[in-house]
Amino acid sequence: MSSPRHAAIVLALTDRFVPPAQALLESIRQHGGELEGVAVVVLTTGLSASSLAALTDSAARAGLTLDARRVTDMSDIGPIPDWAISWCLRLYTGDLCQEFDRALYLDSDMLVLSPLAPLLDVELGNRTAAAVIGPPPFDAIRVAIPRSRRGEVDGNAPYFNAGVLLVDIARWRSRAVGLRSRAYLRQYPTTRIPDQDALNVVLVDDWVQLDKAWNTPAGSLDRAPMFSGLAHASRALTDVLRQWQEVQKRPKILHFIGHPKPWEATYPWPELLDQYGTFVSPAFGSTWPASQPAVAPELESDLRRVGFPRV
């Protein structure tokens, strides 16, 4: 990329997830390094004045300007439940960030633990995006779930986690990634993980694999009951698990994948909880995400039964 950098850090938020986003921004303040030419863009269907003020203050503390951009019409996705709205907002990244060269989308349940400049400058070559391949056992489990529809795409194609997504904006727009991914959701409204499935289908063979440290899952990966069965069937899966466990010793971006989250009383890993707490300020207030389901009730039931959370 040319210098100075002209990029956006993109968050997709409703009021419910503003406090975690503030913790993310605080982690960028502490560890994100010099970010000249970088702004924060919040994609939303609407934020309260207090939420917008809180986010603007947290971004300013990190030396970043913040701009909230509202998606007023999501009808081109088709009927989606309320719990999926914030997930699907990322599908408008290219449409609403046209003035930037690149966009770095980040989920709000993350902590940045390393300077972001090297990530923003990753060479994309002739590809639209860069992301980290999904951690086990989710990369294997997805192919066995009937509702993870993938259209005409090879079901064994590498599958990335969309929590960290670096995007070439011009290429995103020229290849109509947003339009195509939203069209995919209209065609397959019951796909298992709406936004992530859609992006993996549309961007198949059009993304670069990032170092796993840029999207490292927090907590133990081998506690899912289904994992032992998969590992028994495939020695390769056990080897992949070991690779991820090494990465977990040196995360650059830590991702609190699934449930519970570190702001919930049932979070099981004290050391990670303490680490998360170092980025939480009393100024954020006490209105953390409610305990309402973050996934569809039917899907939540399925996940509890097999013992793994949403990717």
Protein backbone atom coordinates (compact mmCIF):
# COMPACT_ATOMS: atom_id res chain seq x y z
CA MET A 1 0.00 0.00 0.00
CA SER A 2 1.05 3.58 -0.53
CA SER A 3 1.88 5.79 2.43
CA PRO A 4 0.15 7.48 4.13
CA ARG A 5 -2.31 4.65 4.51
CA HIS A 6 -5.96 5.33 3.59
CA ALA A 7 -7.92 2.60 5.26
CA ALA A 8 -10.95 2.00 7.45
CA ILE A 9 -11.33 -0.21 10.48
CA VAL A 10 -14.92 -1.36 10.08
CA LEU A 11 -17.22 -2.41 12.90
CA ALA A 12 -20.83 -3.59 12.49
CA LEU A 13 -22.85 -2.67 15.56
CA THR A 14 -26.17 -2.22 17.21
CA ASP A 15 -26.50 -0.52 20.60
CA ARG A 16 -26.27 -3.92 22.25
CA PHE A 17 -22.61 -4.42 21.34
CA VAL A 18 -21.24 -0.94 21.92
CA PRO A 19 -19.42 -1.73 25.22
CA PRO A 20 -17.47 -4.67 23.72
CA ALA A 21 -16.61 -2.47 20.74
CA GLN A 22 -15.23 0.08 23.21
CA ALA A 23 -13.03 -2.64 24.73
CA LEU A 24 -11.83 -3.48 21.22
CA LEU A 25 -11.01 0.17 20.54
CA GLU A 26 -9.17 0.39 23.87
CA SER A 27 -7.07 -2.62 22.84
CA ILE A 28 -6.26 -0.79 19.60
CA ARG A 29 -5.24 2.25 21.65
CA GLN A 30 -2.91 0.14 23.76
CA HIS A 31 -1.49 -2.20 21.12
CA GLY A 32 -2.60 -1.13 17.63
CA GLY A 33 0.42 1.06 16.98
CA GLU A 34 0.67 4.05 14.63
CA LEU A 35 -2.39 4.23 12.38
CA GLU A 36 -1.94 7.37 10.31
CA GLY A 37 -4.55 7.64 7.57
CA VAL A 38 -6.87 5.15 9.27
CA ALA A 39 -10.45 5.90 10.38
CA VAL A 40 -13.11 3.87 12.17
CA VAL A 41 -16.33 3.28 10.24
CA VAL A 42 -19.31 1.84 12.09
CA LEU A 43 -21.96 0.12 10.00
CA THR A 44 -25.31 0.14 11.77
CA THR A 45 -29.06 0.16 11.33
CA GLY A 46 -29.15 2.88 13.99
CA LEU A 47 -27.31 3.86 17.18
CA SER A 48 -28.52 5.91 20.12
CA ALA A 49 -26.89 9.28 20.73
CA SER A 50 -25.22 7.91 23.87
CA SER A 51 -23.80 4.91 21.99
CA LEU A 52 -22.43 7.13 19.24
CA ALA A 53 -20.85 9.47 21.79
CA ALA A 54 -19.26 6.55 23.65
CA LEU A 55 -17.79 5.07 20.47
CA THR A 56 -16.53 8.44 19.26
CA ASP A 57 -14.77 8.99 22.58
CA SER A 58 -13.16 5.53 22.55
CA ALA A 59 -11.96 5.99 18.97
CA ALA A 60 -10.56 9.44 19.81
CA ARG A 61 -8.60 7.95 22.71
CA ALA A 62 -7.00 5.65 20.16
CA GLY A 63 -6.22 8.63 17.92
CA LEU A 64 -8.87 7.67 15.37
CA THR A 65 -11.84 9.51 13.93
CA LEU A 66 -15.17 7.67 13.83
CA ASP A 67 -17.98 7.84 11.33
CA ALA A 68 -21.25 5.91 11.72
CA ARG A 69 -22.90 4.92 8.45
CA ARG A 70 -26.46 3.71 8.50
CA VAL A 71 -27.83 0.89 6.42
CA THR A 72 -31.44 1.96 6.02
CA ASP A 73 -32.63 -0.86 3.77
CA MET A 74 -31.52 -4.48 4.08
CA SER A 75 -34.33 -5.87 1.95
CA ASP A 76 -31.89 -7.08 -0.73
CA ILE A 77 -30.78 -9.77 1.73
CA GLY A 78 -34.29 -11.09 2.01
CA PRO A 79 -36.07 -11.85 5.29
CA ILE A 80 -33.52 -12.21 8.08
CA PRO A 81 -34.23 -12.53 11.81
CA ASP A 82 -33.25 -9.77 14.19
CA TRP A 83 -30.38 -11.82 15.66
CA ALA A 84 -28.64 -11.91 12.26
CA ILE A 85 -28.85 -8.21 11.41
CA SER A 86 -25.56 -7.15 12.97
CA TRP A 87 -23.80 -10.14 11.39
CA CYS A 88 -25.05 -9.25 7.91
CA LEU A 89 -24.13 -5.58 8.11
CA ARG A 90 -20.57 -6.51 7.12
CA LEU A 91 -21.92 -7.44 3.68
CA TYR A 92 -22.26 -3.68 3.00
CA THR A 93 -18.60 -2.91 3.75
CA GLY A 94 -17.57 -2.16 0.18
CA ASP A 95 -20.73 -0.21 -0.57
CA LEU A 96 -20.34 2.19 2.35
CA CYS A 97 -16.55 2.60 2.40
CA GLN A 98 -16.00 3.68 -1.20
CA GLU A 99 -13.51 6.45 -0.41
CA PHE A 100 -11.05 4.05 1.24
CA ASP A 101 -8.43 1.88 -0.44
CA ARG A 102 -8.85 -0.91 2.08
CA ALA A 103 -11.16 -1.89 4.90
CA LEU A 104 -10.30 -4.08 7.86
CA TYR A 105 -13.50 -5.54 9.27
CA LEU A 106 -13.27 -6.65 12.93
CA ASP A 107 -15.88 -8.41 15.06
CA SER A 108 -16.63 -6.60 18.32
CA ASP A 109 -15.75 -9.63 20.49
CA MET A 110 -12.02 -9.21 19.84
CA LEU A 111 -8.90 -7.74 21.39
CA VAL A 112 -6.07 -6.34 19.27
CA LEU A 113 -2.74 -7.36 20.83
CA SER A 114 -0.30 -6.33 18.10
CA PRO A 115 0.30 -3.33 15.80
CA LEU A 116 -2.21 -3.38 12.94
CA ALA A 117 -0.05 -1.75 10.25
CA PRO A 118 1.45 -5.07 9.07
CA LEU A 119 -2.05 -6.47 8.67
CA LEU A 120 -3.34 -3.43 6.81
CA ASP A 121 -0.37 -3.70 4.45
CA VAL A 122 -0.73 -7.43 3.65
CA GLU A 123 -0.14 -8.09 -0.05
CA LEU A 124 -3.41 -9.23 -1.60
CA GLY A 125 -2.10 -9.85 -5.10
CA ASN A 126 -4.96 -10.54 -7.45
CA ARG A 127 -7.40 -11.25 -4.62
CA THR A 128 -10.28 -9.32 -3.07
CA ALA A 129 -9.77 -10.17 0.58
CA ALA A 130 -7.55 -11.76 3.20
CA ALA A 131 -8.76 -13.79 6.17
CA VAL A 132 -7.80 -16.57 8.57
CA ILE A 133 -8.97 -20.09 7.89
CA GLY A 134 -11.50 -21.34 10.44
CA PRO A 135 -10.09 -23.13 13.51
CA PRO A 136 -10.89 -26.77 14.28
CA PRO A 137 -13.28 -28.36 14.74
CA PHE A 138 -15.46 -25.82 12.91
CA ASP A 139 -13.62 -26.13 9.61
CA ALA A 140 -14.47 -29.84 9.56
CA ILE A 141 -17.90 -29.71 11.19
CA ARG A 142 -19.34 -27.28 8.66
CA VAL A 143 -19.29 -29.85 5.82
CA ALA A 144 -21.45 -32.21 7.86
CA ILE A 145 -24.21 -29.70 8.61
CA PRO A 146 -26.97 -29.92 5.96
CA ARG A 147 -28.08 -26.33 6.50
CA SER A 148 -24.65 -24.94 5.62
CA ARG A 149 -25.63 -24.62 2.00
CA ARG A 150 -22.85 -23.65 -0.38
CA GLY A 151 -24.63 -23.46 -3.72
CA GLU A 152 -22.40 -24.70 -6.54
CA VAL A 153 -19.19 -24.16 -4.55
CA ASP A 154 -17.06 -27.16 -3.62
CA GLY A 155 -18.04 -28.06 -0.05
CA ASN A 156 -14.41 -28.91 0.71
CA ALA A 157 -13.08 -25.50 -0.32
CA PRO A 158 -11.11 -23.75 2.45
CA TYR A 159 -13.49 -21.90 4.77
CA PHE A 160 -12.46 -18.72 6.56
CA ASN A 161 -13.70 -17.09 9.73
CA ALA A 162 -15.11 -13.69 8.75
CA GLY A 163 -14.36 -12.02 12.10
CA VAL A 164 -11.19 -10.51 10.62
CA LEU A 165 -11.54 -9.59 6.96
CA LEU A 166 -9.15 -7.34 5.05
CA VAL A 167 -10.78 -6.03 1.87
CA ASP A 168 -9.59 -4.31 -1.29
CA ILE A 169 -12.52 -1.91 -1.68
CA ALA A 170 -12.16 -1.26 -5.43
CA ARG A 171 -12.00 -4.97 -6.20
CA TRP A 172 -14.91 -5.71 -3.81
CA ARG A 173 -17.03 -3.23 -5.74
CA SER A 174 -15.89 -4.24 -9.24
CA ARG A 175 -16.66 -7.87 -8.44
CA ALA A 176 -19.97 -6.96 -6.74
CA VAL A 177 -19.06 -8.98 -3.64
CA GLY A 178 -21.71 -7.28 -1.52
CA LEU A 179 -24.48 -7.69 -4.08
CA ARG A 180 -23.58 -11.31 -4.77
CA SER A 181 -23.32 -12.27 -1.11
CA ARG A 182 -26.68 -10.69 -0.36
CA ALA A 183 -28.19 -12.48 -3.35
CA TYR A 184 -26.81 -15.75 -1.95
CA LEU A 185 -28.74 -15.14 1.27
CA ARG A 186 -31.93 -14.52 -0.67
CA GLN A 187 -31.44 -17.85 -2.42
CA TYR A 188 -30.39 -19.77 0.71
CA PRO A 189 -32.16 -18.06 3.64
CA THR A 190 -31.53 -21.01 5.98
CA THR A 191 -27.78 -21.24 5.42
CA ARG A 192 -26.15 -22.08 8.73
CA ILE A 193 -23.99 -18.98 9.31
CA PRO A 194 -25.56 -16.32 7.07
CA ASP A 195 -22.87 -13.68 6.56
CA GLN A 196 -19.92 -16.04 6.78
CA ASP A 197 -21.35 -18.71 4.46
CA ALA A 198 -22.26 -16.05 1.91
CA LEU A 199 -18.79 -14.49 1.92
CA ASN A 200 -17.08 -17.88 1.68
CA VAL A 201 -19.15 -18.76 -1.36
CA VAL A 202 -18.72 -15.44 -3.14
CA LEU A 203 -15.01 -15.14 -2.32
CA VAL A 204 -14.06 -18.75 -3.06
CA ASP A 205 -10.59 -18.77 -4.68
CA ASP A 206 -10.54 -14.97 -4.22
CA TRP A 207 -8.96 -14.60 -0.79
CA VAL A 208 -5.51 -14.82 0.75
CA GLN A 209 -4.89 -16.84 3.90
CA LEU A 210 -3.56 -14.71 6.75
CA ASP A 211 -1.30 -15.92 9.53
CA LYS A 212 -3.55 -17.63 12.09
CA ALA A 213 -2.32 -15.21 14.77
CA TRP A 214 -4.47 -12.48 13.19
CA ASN A 215 -7.67 -14.25 14.27
CA THR A 216 -6.82 -16.50 17.19
CA PRO A 217 -9.70 -18.15 19.07
CA ALA A 218 -9.67 -17.67 22.83
CA GLY A 219 -10.04 -20.69 25.10
CA SER A 220 -9.65 -24.41 24.58
CA LEU A 221 -10.40 -25.72 21.09
CA ASP A 222 -10.61 -29.38 22.07
CA ARG A 223 -13.45 -29.13 24.61
CA ALA A 224 -16.23 -29.60 22.07
CA PRO A 225 -17.60 -33.15 22.53
CA MET A 226 -17.71 -33.60 18.76
CA PHE A 227 -14.00 -32.90 18.46
CA SER A 228 -12.85 -36.22 19.93
CA GLY A 229 -14.85 -38.14 17.36
CA LEU A 230 -13.54 -36.07 14.49
CA ALA A 231 -9.98 -36.30 15.78
CA HIS A 232 -10.30 -40.09 16.01
CA ALA A 233 -11.43 -40.21 12.40
CA SER A 234 -8.70 -37.90 11.16
CA ARG A 235 -5.14 -37.71 12.48
CA ALA A 236 -4.71 -34.60 10.34
CA LEU A 237 -7.29 -32.78 12.48
CA THR A 238 -5.25 -33.53 15.59
CA ASP A 239 -2.17 -32.10 13.90
CA VAL A 240 -4.09 -28.95 12.93
CA LEU A 241 -5.25 -28.59 16.53
CA ARG A 242 -1.64 -28.64 17.72
CA GLN A 243 -0.76 -25.92 15.22
CA TRP A 244 -3.57 -23.74 16.54
CA GLN A 245 -2.55 -24.38 20.14
CA GLU A 246 0.90 -23.02 19.30
CA VAL A 247 -0.68 -19.96 17.70
CA GLN A 248 -2.74 -19.39 20.85
CA LYS A 249 0.52 -18.71 22.70
CA ARG A 250 1.19 -15.63 20.52
CA PRO A 251 -2.11 -14.10 19.33
CA LYS A 252 -2.07 -10.82 17.41
CA ILE A 253 -5.86 -10.54 17.49
CA LEU A 254 -7.69 -12.58 20.10
CA HIS A 255 -11.23 -13.62 19.15
CA PHE A 256 -13.74 -14.64 21.82
CA ILE A 257 -15.56 -16.95 19.45
CA GLY A 258 -18.88 -18.46 20.44
CA HIS A 259 -20.53 -18.36 23.87
CA PRO A 260 -20.24 -17.52 26.66
CA LYS A 261 -18.45 -14.21 26.16
CA PRO A 262 -15.95 -12.73 28.65
CA TRP A 263 -18.55 -10.21 29.81
CA GLU A 264 -20.93 -13.02 30.81
CA ALA A 265 -20.93 -14.57 34.29
CA THR A 266 -20.43 -18.11 33.00
CA TYR A 267 -17.20 -17.42 31.07
CA PRO A 268 -14.99 -20.41 32.02
CA TRP A 269 -11.37 -19.19 31.57
CA PRO A 270 -10.22 -16.93 34.46
CA GLU A 271 -6.91 -15.88 32.87
CA LEU A 272 -8.64 -14.77 29.67
CA LEU A 273 -11.31 -13.03 31.73
CA ASP A 274 -8.63 -11.10 33.60
CA GLN A 275 -6.93 -10.21 30.31
CA TYR A 276 -10.18 -8.93 28.86
CA GLY A 277 -10.79 -6.88 31.99
CA THR A 278 -7.64 -4.84 31.39
CA PHE A 279 -9.34 -3.27 28.37
CA VAL A 280 -12.64 -2.49 30.09
CA SER A 281 -13.04 0.98 31.57
CA PRO A 282 -15.69 1.99 34.13
CA ALA A 283 -16.48 4.80 31.70
CA PHE A 284 -17.99 2.21 29.36
CA GLY A 285 -20.92 1.88 31.73
CA SER A 286 -22.75 -1.25 32.77
CA THR A 287 -25.05 -1.83 29.80
CA TRP A 288 -23.33 -4.86 28.33
CA PRO A 289 -25.00 -7.13 25.79
CA ALA A 290 -28.14 -8.69 27.15
CA SER A 291 -28.40 -12.44 27.64
CA GLN A 292 -30.88 -12.78 24.78
CA PRO A 293 -29.90 -15.47 22.25
CA ALA A 294 -27.29 -14.32 19.75
CA VAL A 295 -28.36 -17.10 17.41
CA ALA A 296 -31.68 -18.43 16.27
CA PRO A 297 -33.46 -20.44 18.99
CA GLU A 298 -33.45 -23.55 16.80
CA LEU A 299 -29.77 -23.14 16.00
CA GLU A 300 -28.93 -22.42 19.65
CA SER A 301 -30.60 -25.73 20.56
CA ASP A 302 -28.55 -27.58 17.95
CA LEU A 303 -25.32 -26.03 19.16
CA ARG A 304 -25.95 -26.92 22.78
CA ARG A 305 -26.68 -30.50 21.76
CA VAL A 306 -23.43 -30.98 19.86
CA GLY A 307 -21.42 -28.85 22.26
CA PHE A 308 -19.96 -26.12 20.10
CA PRO A 309 -20.91 -22.46 19.60
CA ARG A 310 -21.33 -20.27 16.56
CA VAL A 311 -18.11 -19.77 14.66
